[in-house]
Structures are given as structure tokens and as C-alpha cells.
Amino acid sequence: MMTAWQVHAPGPIAGKPLRRVEIPVPEPAADEVLVRVRACAVCRTDLHLAEGDLPPRRPGTVPGHEVVGTVERVGADVSEPAVGTRVGVAWLRRTCGRCRYCRRGAENLCPYSQYTGWDADGGYAQYCVAPAAYVYRLPTGYTDEEVAPLLCAGIIGYRALRRSELPPGGRLGLYGFGASAHLAIQVAIAEGATVHVVSRTEAARDLALSLGAASASATAPPEPLDSAILFAPVGTLVPPMLAALDRGGTLAVAGIHLTDIPPLRYEEHLFQERTLRSVTANTRRDGREFLEFAQRHHLRVATTPYPLDAAGEALADLAADRVSGAAVLSFPPAG
């Protein structure tokens, strides 16, 4: 048996929708590995699932898709990774490999895709299983607590940065400065960008400046932007962000959930070839590219640690913007 947290009754986080349970250790299928969890970062998507913004796909799901652990057992058809290997389990769990999206390299758009901590139990547990073809080898030089946020916050921030089509030496705006943004800014600056951050919290603005942001404001960037990324799940920010773009600029919306976007005025928000685009999950190629970047350029990962017993507290702090960087659960060894 193992300890895990399940989404028992989706609803406001104040109502404590998570329940701690003792459930059997899962068995890996023929193409899967059993991972002994050592750390799992806490993502805003977990909060959306717990509160019901993201409709549960199965009852009693164990959230968590930024999992760091070691391979404990492998299925009959698995040759790699081997038992004892340190691996990461991320959001994208499985795709069909046959549809037109998979065939053209856009597996993140596969209509049959499955996701860790949504379609199958994730990392808020002492063990989890994952398809061997979808786990990642991890960069060295990071602790378990530091590397866990790279597996979603980092990968999604990286894809959002690419979707924003930031030109070389361009001006980038980041709206909302949590787990993803504090990693994406480091990639952008390493590639020569000037980055302006907009965040409502002083601690986040201070973190942004310490990481090299050219400015950090509670209201608006000080100059027109070539690209922008919306990390906050707040649709009302879309019009002012579009208006802050220079001619030909692109706004990428990084979240899986967004509140309603108000009406747009064509002349103010979209004219002069401004582009609004979404970000949907990631491909394994995105994940490998970002983790290779993290190996070449050691990233500063800001984390707030929580013990197993405090999973609900971690989500509540995330909802209230009390987390600096990324919240990370550390699980004790299975008994």
C-alpha cells in the first residue's frame, strides 16, 4: 500500500477537495515503468482540477504531473529506462502515434492524448506508473526539488516562448510571474531578449528583477513589446496585453484554463498584424529541448517546499499567490 492524495470532491480549495488515502501500489503495464516518487511540483493545473475548473475525467484522481523519482520496476516490453534510473514524469502521458497530428510532429494536438494526473493517477503519491516512451532523462546538477518544476512549468514556459515568436534581441512581456514565468525569463534572457514583467505581487516582481528583468510593474510594460506570454489564468488581461504589442507582435496564452476574454476592438487590439495564439500542452521534443537547455545553462529554480501532509496547503497557497517560484511536495520513502 502507499499514501496518496485524491481529488475527492472538486470545488473551492477552501472546501478541501483533496483527500489523503491509502491505496495499492500500481502495477506497470507491459510498456510502462513504476516510478518511486521523490518529489512532485505543484502546478496551477492541479489547482484547476481540484477546484473543478478542469472537469475530472475519472473519480478519485491522484493529481501531479511534475514527478521526479527512480524506476522501481519495468513492464515486460520495456528495455529503457532501466531499474534505478532517475527519471521525470510530465503532463503528456500518451498519444496515439497514428493520427495526422502525431504524424506531422504535433502530438500535443492528438485527439486521443492522455495526461498524467488527469487521465491517470499522477505524482501526489509515493508511486506512479507511466509509459516508458514518455518519461524523461533528467539534467544533472539539480536536486529533486529543483528539477521537478522543470517538468511542466519549465517545459510549458519553453513552448509558450517559442509560440510567442520572439525575434532575436526582442522585447518580451511576461504577465503573471510564477513557476513557469520564472524559468521562461531565464531562457529568454540567455537568448538575448529584453524582458518586462507585469505581476500584482511585490515578491514576484522582486524575483523577476533578481533574475534579470529590465522592469517589473504591477500595471504595464514601459515600452511596446515584440512578444508577450500570458501565464495568469485571467482573460481580462488579453485586451491590454494585445494593446501593449508593437506592430507584428504576438501574444501567447500559456494556460490550460482561462477566464472569459472581454470583447476585442479590431483597431486597438488586432490591427497592424498582431497575433493572438494559444498553447496546448507540449510535444516530447519540446521537453527534450528544454531539458537539454537546462543541462547547458544551469537555471535558478525558486521553490517553496511542502511535506506530504501539506498538499492541500500547497494548493491553497498557490491559489492565494503566496508561493514564490514553484511549490514542491517531497514524499517520505514508502513503507
Protein backbone atom coordinates (compact mmCIF):
# COMPACT_ATOMS: atom_id res chain seq x y z
CA MET A 1 0.00 0.00 0.00
CA MET A 2 1.03 3.63 -0.47
CA THR A 3 -0.05 7.07 0.64
CA ALA A 4 -1.66 9.30 -1.99
CA TRP A 5 -3.83 12.38 -2.34
CA GLN A 6 -7.00 12.13 -4.44
CA VAL A 7 -9.40 14.77 -5.76
CA HIS A 8 -12.39 13.63 -3.73
CA ALA A 9 -14.98 16.37 -4.37
CA PRO A 10 -13.93 19.11 -6.83
CA GLY A 11 -14.74 22.57 -5.52
CA PRO A 12 -13.22 25.69 -3.94
CA ILE A 13 -9.89 24.95 -2.35
CA ALA A 14 -11.19 26.27 0.98
CA GLY A 15 -13.52 23.26 0.99
CA LYS A 16 -10.53 20.88 0.96
CA PRO A 17 -11.30 18.91 -2.22
CA LEU A 18 -8.25 16.67 -1.71
CA ARG A 19 -8.41 13.57 0.46
CA ARG A 20 -5.46 11.58 1.79
CA VAL A 21 -5.88 7.86 1.20
CA GLU A 22 -4.02 4.55 1.38
CA ILE A 23 -4.26 2.71 -1.95
CA PRO A 24 -2.41 -0.20 -3.58
CA VAL A 25 0.90 0.47 -5.30
CA PRO A 26 0.07 0.42 -9.05
CA GLU A 27 1.35 -2.32 -11.36
CA PRO A 28 3.11 -1.21 -14.56
CA ALA A 29 1.63 -2.38 -17.86
CA ALA A 30 3.87 -4.04 -20.42
CA ASP A 31 5.06 -0.69 -21.85
CA GLU A 32 5.20 1.19 -18.54
CA VAL A 33 7.58 1.79 -15.66
CA LEU A 34 6.81 2.01 -11.97
CA VAL A 35 8.40 5.15 -10.50
CA ARG A 36 9.11 5.64 -6.83
CA VAL A 37 8.29 9.31 -6.32
CA ARG A 38 10.85 11.52 -4.58
CA ALA A 39 9.35 14.94 -5.37
CA CYS A 40 6.38 16.37 -7.25
CA ALA A 41 5.95 20.05 -8.06
CA VAL A 42 2.54 21.65 -7.62
CA CYS A 43 1.08 23.13 -10.81
CA ARG A 44 -1.79 25.54 -11.30
CA THR A 45 -3.38 22.83 -13.46
CA ASP A 46 -3.61 20.70 -10.30
CA LEU A 47 -5.49 23.58 -8.70
CA HIS A 48 -7.85 23.82 -11.68
CA LEU A 49 -8.53 20.07 -11.38
CA ALA A 50 -9.10 20.24 -7.63
CA GLU A 51 -11.48 23.20 -7.94
CA GLY A 52 -13.37 21.76 -10.91
CA ASP A 53 -12.29 24.38 -13.50
CA LEU A 54 -10.77 21.42 -15.31
CA PRO A 55 -13.50 18.74 -15.27
CA PRO A 56 -12.23 15.48 -13.75
CA ARG A 57 -12.03 12.63 -16.25
CA ARG A 58 -12.24 9.93 -13.60
CA PRO A 59 -13.25 9.78 -9.93
CA GLY A 60 -10.62 9.94 -7.25
CA THR A 61 -7.76 11.04 -9.48
CA VAL A 62 -4.33 11.49 -7.93
CA PRO A 63 -3.03 14.85 -9.27
CA GLY A 64 0.55 15.77 -10.06
CA HIS A 65 2.49 15.81 -13.32
CA GLU A 66 5.92 17.20 -12.39
CA VAL A 67 7.25 13.98 -10.92
CA VAL A 68 10.85 13.14 -10.08
CA GLY A 69 11.70 9.64 -8.98
CA THR A 70 13.56 6.44 -9.68
CA VAL A 71 12.44 3.49 -11.76
CA GLU A 72 11.47 0.73 -9.36
CA ARG A 73 10.11 -1.84 -11.81
CA VAL A 74 9.63 -2.12 -15.59
CA GLY A 75 6.97 -3.75 -17.74
CA ALA A 76 7.62 -6.83 -19.84
CA ASP A 77 8.26 -4.85 -23.04
CA VAL A 78 10.50 -2.15 -21.54
CA SER A 79 14.25 -2.13 -22.11
CA GLU A 80 14.86 1.55 -21.27
CA PRO A 81 14.95 3.23 -18.81
CA ALA A 82 16.46 0.62 -16.54
CA VAL A 83 15.59 -0.02 -12.91
CA GLY A 84 17.31 2.56 -10.71
CA THR A 85 17.32 5.32 -13.35
CA ARG A 86 16.35 8.81 -12.18
CA VAL A 87 13.50 9.99 -14.42
CA GLY A 88 10.85 12.65 -14.77
CA VAL A 89 7.16 12.10 -15.47
CA ALA A 90 5.44 15.06 -17.12
CA TRP A 91 1.97 16.20 -18.24
CA LEU A 92 1.82 14.47 -21.65
CA ARG A 93 1.31 10.81 -20.80
CA ARG A 94 0.44 9.10 -24.07
CA THR A 95 -0.60 9.83 -27.68
CA CYS A 96 -1.91 7.58 -30.43
CA GLY A 97 1.08 7.97 -32.77
CA ARG A 98 -1.16 7.42 -35.81
CA CYS A 99 -3.38 10.47 -36.28
CA ARG A 100 -2.48 13.28 -38.68
CA TYR A 101 -1.27 15.46 -35.80
CA CYS A 102 1.09 12.82 -34.45
CA ARG A 103 2.38 12.05 -37.94
CA ARG A 104 3.26 15.70 -38.59
CA GLY A 105 5.05 16.15 -35.26
CA ALA A 106 2.21 17.90 -33.43
CA GLU A 107 1.47 15.16 -30.91
CA ASN A 108 0.34 17.80 -28.40
CA LEU A 109 -2.79 18.16 -30.56
CA CYS A 110 -3.53 14.41 -30.71
CA PRO A 111 -7.29 13.98 -30.07
CA TYR A 112 -6.53 10.73 -28.24
CA SER A 113 -3.84 12.18 -25.96
CA GLN A 114 -3.80 11.32 -22.28
CA TYR A 115 -2.37 13.30 -19.39
CA THR A 116 -0.67 12.50 -16.11
CA GLY A 117 -2.74 13.44 -13.08
CA TRP A 118 -5.91 13.82 -15.18
CA ASP A 119 -6.48 10.69 -17.26
CA ALA A 120 -4.31 8.58 -14.96
CA ASP A 121 -3.01 8.93 -11.43
CA GLY A 122 -0.06 11.25 -11.02
CA GLY A 123 2.63 12.16 -8.55
CA TYR A 124 0.81 13.19 -5.37
CA ALA A 125 1.64 9.65 -4.27
CA GLN A 126 4.59 7.53 -3.24
CA TYR A 127 4.50 5.65 -6.54
CA CYS A 128 3.14 6.22 -10.03
CA VAL A 129 3.26 4.42 -13.37
CA ALA A 130 3.99 5.99 -16.76
CA PRO A 131 4.65 4.80 -20.32
CA ALA A 132 8.40 4.31 -20.71
CA ALA A 133 8.41 6.21 -24.02
CA TYR A 134 7.07 9.35 -22.29
CA VAL A 135 9.40 9.68 -19.29
CA TYR A 136 12.43 11.95 -19.43
CA ARG A 137 16.07 11.56 -18.50
CA LEU A 138 16.84 14.48 -16.22
CA PRO A 139 19.63 17.06 -16.33
CA THR A 140 22.35 16.68 -13.74
CA GLY A 141 23.30 19.28 -11.17
CA TYR A 142 19.77 19.80 -9.81
CA THR A 143 18.25 18.44 -6.63
CA ASP A 144 14.95 16.56 -6.86
CA GLU A 145 13.17 19.65 -5.54
CA GLU A 146 14.82 21.89 -8.14
CA VAL A 147 14.30 19.64 -11.16
CA ALA A 148 10.62 18.84 -10.50
CA PRO A 149 9.26 22.24 -11.71
CA LEU A 150 11.20 21.89 -14.96
CA LEU A 151 8.85 19.07 -16.00
CA CYS A 152 5.81 21.27 -16.56
CA ALA A 153 6.47 24.87 -15.53
CA GLY A 154 9.72 24.74 -17.46
CA ILE A 155 8.55 22.79 -20.49
CA ILE A 156 5.31 24.73 -20.94
CA GLY A 157 7.11 28.03 -20.43
CA TYR A 158 9.59 26.97 -23.10
CA ARG A 159 6.84 26.06 -25.57
CA ALA A 160 5.00 29.30 -24.81
CA LEU A 161 8.20 31.22 -25.50
CA ARG A 162 8.54 29.52 -28.87
CA ARG A 163 4.86 30.13 -29.65
CA SER A 164 5.34 33.84 -28.90
CA GLU A 165 7.73 34.05 -31.87
CA LEU A 166 10.11 36.35 -30.04
CA PRO A 167 12.56 37.80 -32.58
CA PRO A 168 16.31 37.83 -31.86
CA GLY A 169 17.06 40.56 -29.35
CA GLY A 170 13.34 41.24 -28.99
CA ARG A 171 11.25 42.78 -26.21
CA LEU A 172 9.21 40.21 -24.28
CA GLY A 173 6.43 40.80 -21.77
CA LEU A 174 5.53 38.20 -19.13
CA TYR A 175 2.19 38.69 -17.38
CA GLY A 176 1.95 36.68 -14.18
CA PHE A 177 5.24 35.60 -12.64
CA GLY A 178 5.02 32.19 -11.04
CA ALA A 179 6.63 28.83 -11.65
CA SER A 180 6.60 28.92 -15.47
CA ALA A 181 7.50 32.57 -15.93
CA HIS A 182 10.49 32.50 -13.57
CA LEU A 183 12.02 29.76 -15.76
CA ALA A 184 10.96 31.17 -19.15
CA ILE A 185 12.58 34.52 -18.33
CA GLN A 186 15.93 32.80 -17.89
CA VAL A 187 15.68 31.13 -21.30
CA ALA A 188 14.66 34.40 -22.97
CA ILE A 189 17.45 36.44 -21.37
CA ALA A 190 20.03 33.76 -22.22
CA GLU A 191 18.92 34.11 -25.83
CA GLY A 192 19.34 37.90 -25.79
CA ALA A 193 15.85 39.21 -25.04
CA THR A 194 14.85 42.26 -23.01
CA VAL A 195 12.12 41.12 -20.61
CA HIS A 196 9.44 43.19 -18.90
CA VAL A 197 7.33 41.56 -16.17
CA VAL A 198 3.85 42.52 -15.01
CA SER A 199 2.70 40.98 -11.73
CA ARG A 200 0.35 42.06 -8.97
CA THR A 201 2.58 40.70 -6.18
CA GLU A 202 5.65 42.51 -4.89
CA ALA A 203 7.55 39.28 -4.12
CA ALA A 204 7.12 38.12 -7.72
CA ARG A 205 8.32 41.48 -9.05
CA ASP A 206 11.37 41.30 -6.79
CA LEU A 207 12.14 37.79 -8.03
CA ALA A 208 11.80 38.94 -11.65
CA LEU A 209 14.27 41.77 -11.13
CA SER A 210 16.72 39.43 -9.40
CA LEU A 211 16.57 37.15 -12.46
CA GLY A 212 17.40 39.98 -14.87
CA ALA A 213 14.08 41.56 -15.86
CA ALA A 214 14.52 45.02 -17.34
CA SER A 215 11.41 46.14 -15.48
CA ALA A 216 8.77 44.71 -13.15
CA SER A 217 5.48 46.54 -12.80
CA ALA A 218 2.02 45.98 -11.36
CA THR A 219 0.38 47.68 -14.35
CA ALA A 220 2.04 47.78 -17.78
CA PRO A 221 5.41 47.46 -19.53
CA PRO A 222 7.35 50.68 -20.21
CA GLU A 223 7.74 50.12 -23.96
CA PRO A 224 5.95 48.34 -26.84
CA LEU A 225 6.53 44.58 -26.95
CA ASP A 226 7.51 42.29 -29.78
CA SER A 227 6.06 39.29 -27.95
CA ALA A 228 4.16 38.56 -24.77
CA ILE A 229 3.12 35.50 -22.78
CA LEU A 230 0.09 35.38 -20.50
CA PHE A 231 0.72 32.96 -17.63
CA ALA A 232 -2.03 34.21 -15.31
CA PRO A 233 -5.40 32.47 -15.98
CA VAL A 234 -7.12 35.85 -16.33
CA GLY A 235 -8.92 36.53 -19.61
CA THR A 236 -9.43 40.23 -18.84
CA LEU A 237 -5.68 40.72 -19.33
CA VAL A 238 -5.83 39.74 -23.00
CA PRO A 239 -7.04 43.13 -24.40
CA PRO A 240 -4.44 45.28 -22.60
CA MET A 241 -1.72 42.78 -23.49
CA LEU A 242 -2.65 42.92 -27.17
CA ALA A 243 -2.69 46.72 -26.97
CA ALA A 244 0.83 46.63 -25.47
CA LEU A 245 2.21 44.79 -28.50
CA ASP A 246 4.15 46.63 -31.17
CA ARG A 247 3.29 46.16 -34.86
CA GLY A 248 3.51 42.48 -35.82
CA GLY A 249 3.67 41.36 -32.19
CA THR A 250 2.43 38.02 -30.87
CA LEU A 251 0.64 37.16 -27.63
CA ALA A 252 0.76 33.51 -26.50
CA VAL A 253 -1.68 32.34 -23.80
CA ALA A 254 0.07 29.62 -21.82
CA GLY A 255 -2.62 28.21 -19.52
CA ILE A 256 -4.92 25.23 -19.91
CA HIS A 257 -7.74 27.26 -18.32
CA LEU A 258 -8.58 30.93 -18.82
CA THR A 259 -11.47 33.06 -17.62
CA ASP A 260 -13.58 34.71 -20.33
CA ILE A 261 -11.89 37.20 -22.66
CA PRO A 262 -13.78 40.51 -22.98
CA PRO A 263 -14.74 41.82 -26.45
CA LEU A 264 -11.80 42.98 -28.56
CA ARG A 265 -11.66 46.10 -30.70
CA TYR A 266 -10.06 45.29 -34.02
CA GLU A 267 -8.27 48.61 -34.50
CA GLU A 268 -6.87 48.73 -30.95
CA HIS A 269 -6.08 45.08 -30.29
CA LEU A 270 -5.52 43.18 -33.56
CA PHE A 271 -4.80 45.62 -36.37
CA GLN A 272 -1.19 46.05 -37.55
CA GLU A 273 -0.86 42.27 -37.75
CA ARG A 274 -0.89 41.49 -34.05
CA THR A 275 -1.42 37.80 -33.36
CA LEU A 276 -3.23 36.02 -30.51
CA ARG A 277 -2.48 32.33 -30.11
CA SER A 278 -2.92 29.57 -27.55
CA VAL A 279 -0.50 27.00 -26.16
CA THR A 280 -1.75 23.42 -25.90
CA ALA A 281 0.33 21.01 -23.81
CA ASN A 282 3.72 20.16 -25.35
CA THR A 283 5.46 17.62 -27.50
CA ARG A 284 8.18 15.31 -26.21
CA ARG A 285 10.53 17.21 -28.48
CA ASP A 286 9.76 20.39 -26.52
CA GLY A 287 10.55 18.53 -23.32
CA ARG A 288 13.84 17.16 -24.54
CA GLU A 289 14.94 20.52 -25.98
CA PHE A 290 14.16 22.36 -22.77
CA LEU A 291 15.84 19.80 -20.51
CA GLU A 292 18.91 19.89 -22.76
CA PHE A 293 18.90 23.69 -22.38
CA ALA A 294 18.69 23.24 -18.61
CA GLN A 295 21.75 20.98 -18.77
CA ARG A 296 23.76 23.55 -20.77
CA HIS A 297 22.54 26.62 -18.82
CA HIS A 298 22.06 25.92 -15.14
CA LEU A 299 18.76 27.53 -14.20
CA ARG A 300 18.00 29.15 -10.90
CA VAL A 301 14.87 27.37 -9.67
CA ALA A 302 12.96 29.15 -6.92
CA THR A 303 10.99 26.65 -4.85
CA THR A 304 8.81 26.56 -1.77
CA PRO A 305 8.94 23.08 -0.19
CA TYR A 306 5.98 21.31 1.40
CA PRO A 307 5.81 17.92 3.13
CA LEU A 308 3.39 15.18 2.13
CA ASP A 309 0.85 16.21 4.76
CA ALA A 310 0.63 19.73 3.34
CA ALA A 311 -0.59 19.02 -0.23
CA GLY A 312 -3.83 20.90 0.39
CA GLU A 313 -1.96 23.78 1.97
CA ALA A 314 0.34 23.99 -1.06
CA LEU A 315 -2.65 24.31 -3.40
CA ALA A 316 -4.28 26.91 -1.12
CA ASP A 317 -1.09 28.96 -1.06
CA LEU A 318 -0.85 28.72 -4.85
CA ALA A 319 -4.46 29.92 -5.20
CA ALA A 320 -3.72 32.90 -2.94
CA ASP A 321 -0.44 33.82 -4.69
CA ARG A 322 1.56 33.05 -1.56
CA VAL A 323 4.09 30.84 -3.39
CA SER A 324 7.35 32.31 -4.62
CA GLY A 325 8.55 30.35 -7.64
CA ALA A 326 7.22 26.77 -7.55
CA ALA A 327 5.68 24.76 -4.73
CA VAL A 328 7.15 21.27 -4.45
CA LEU A 329 5.92 18.27 -2.47
CA SER A 330 8.56 15.96 -1.03
CA PHE A 331 7.34 12.49 -0.17
CA PRO A 332 8.86 10.24 2.52
CA PRO A 333 10.01 6.78 1.48
CA ALA A 334 7.27 4.21 1.03
CA GLY A 335 6.90 1.87 3.98
